[in-house]
Amino acid sequence: MSNSKYAEGKGLAVGDKAPEFTTININGENIILSEILKNNNSVLIDFFIGVW
């Protein structure tokens, strides 16, 4: 993604599709955005910054 607007720090605009990503859930399992979207029309991504 070095030549994309994400790499340039411009982020997403309203209506843009999120870039593909993989993360780990609380059970240590990989969560892949495109795999979730195969069975669902939408995904809510909540970024929480806090102290546990």
C-alpha atoms as a PDB file:
ATOM      1  CA  MET A   1       0.000   0.000   0.000  1.00  0.00           C
ATOM      2  CA  SER A   2       2.975   2.313  -0.245  1.00  0.00           C
ATOM      3  CA  ASN A   3       1.480   4.176  -3.191  1.00  0.00           C
ATOM      4  CA  SER A   4      -2.011   4.488  -1.705  1.00  0.00           C
ATOM      5  CA  LYS A   5      -3.650   7.398   0.060  1.00  0.00           C
ATOM      6  CA  TYR A   6      -3.571   5.331   3.286  1.00  0.00           C
ATOM      7  CA  ALA A   7       0.226   5.271   3.260  1.00  0.00           C
ATOM      8  CA  GLU A   8       0.203   9.033   2.732  1.00  0.00           C
ATOM      9  CA  GLY A   9      -1.755   9.486   5.961  1.00  0.00           C
ATOM     10  CA  LYS A  10      -4.911  10.792   4.278  1.00  0.00           C
ATOM     11  CA  GLY A  11      -7.202   8.150   5.773  1.00  0.00           C
ATOM     12  CA  LEU A  12     -10.668   7.290   4.542  1.00  0.00           C
ATOM     13  CA  ALA A  13     -13.469   9.543   3.396  1.00  0.00           C
ATOM     14  CA  VAL A  14     -17.150   8.901   4.019  1.00  0.00           C
ATOM     15  CA  GLY A  15     -18.271   6.151   1.651  1.00  0.00           C
ATOM     16  CA  ASP A  16     -14.794   4.703   1.047  1.00  0.00           C
ATOM     17  CA  LYS A  17     -14.303   0.968   1.422  1.00  0.00           C
ATOM     18  CA  ALA A  18     -12.009  -0.093   4.235  1.00  0.00           C
ATOM     19  CA  PRO A  19      -8.720  -1.642   3.135  1.00  0.00           C
ATOM     20  CA  GLU A  20      -8.274  -5.379   3.700  1.00  0.00           C
ATOM     21  CA  PHE A  21      -6.878  -6.191   7.120  1.00  0.00           C
ATOM     22  CA  THR A  22      -6.395  -9.048   9.555  1.00  0.00           C
ATOM     23  CA  THR A  23      -6.485  -8.765  13.327  1.00  0.00           C
ATOM     24  CA  ILE A  24      -6.712 -11.132  16.279  1.00  0.00           C
ATOM     25  CA  ASN A  25      -9.794 -11.554  18.464  1.00  0.00           C
ATOM     26  CA  ILE A  26      -9.784 -12.149  22.212  1.00  0.00           C
ATOM     27  CA  ASN A  27      -9.519 -15.913  21.627  1.00  0.00           C
ATOM     28  CA  GLY A  28      -6.328 -15.532  19.586  1.00  0.00           C
ATOM     29  CA  GLU A  29      -8.098 -16.321  16.290  1.00  0.00           C
ATOM     30  CA  ASN A  30      -7.438 -14.364  13.099  1.00  0.00           C
ATOM     31  CA  ILE A  31     -10.255 -12.091  11.953  1.00  0.00           C
ATOM     32  CA  ILE A  32     -10.064 -11.208   8.243  1.00  0.00           C
ATOM     33  CA  LEU A  33     -12.294  -8.409   6.985  1.00  0.00           C
ATOM     34  CA  SER A  34     -13.038  -9.982   3.597  1.00  0.00           C
ATOM     35  CA  GLU A  35     -14.020 -13.279   5.259  1.00  0.00           C
ATOM     36  CA  ILE A  36     -16.545 -11.523   7.511  1.00  0.00           C
ATOM     37  CA  LEU A  37     -17.992  -9.618   4.546  1.00  0.00           C
ATOM     38  CA  LYS A  38     -18.676 -12.873   2.670  1.00  0.00           C
ATOM     39  CA  ASN A  39     -21.516 -13.603   5.102  1.00  0.00           C
ATOM     40  CA  ASN A  40     -22.517 -10.083   6.179  1.00  0.00           C
ATOM     41  CA  ASN A  41     -23.424  -6.876   4.377  1.00  0.00           C
ATOM     42  CA  SER A  42     -21.680  -4.618   6.848  1.00  0.00           C
ATOM     43  CA  VAL A  43     -19.141  -4.583   9.639  1.00  0.00           C
ATOM     44  CA  LEU A  44     -18.875  -2.142  12.515  1.00  0.00           C
ATOM     45  CA  ILE A  45     -15.278  -1.406  13.446  1.00  0.00           C
ATOM     46  CA  ASP A  46     -14.894   0.238  16.839  1.00  0.00           C
ATOM     47  CA  PHE A  47     -11.492   1.589  17.815  1.00  0.00           C
ATOM     48  CA  PHE A  48     -11.241   1.813  21.566  1.00  0.00           C
ATOM     49  CA  ILE A  49      -8.360   3.622  23.175  1.00  0.00           C
ATOM     50  CA  GLY A  50      -8.399   3.232  26.881  1.00  0.00           C
ATOM     51  CA  VAL A  51      -6.898   1.691  29.934  1.00  0.00           C
ATOM     52  CA  TRP A  52      -7.790  -1.797  31.116  1.00  0.00           C
END
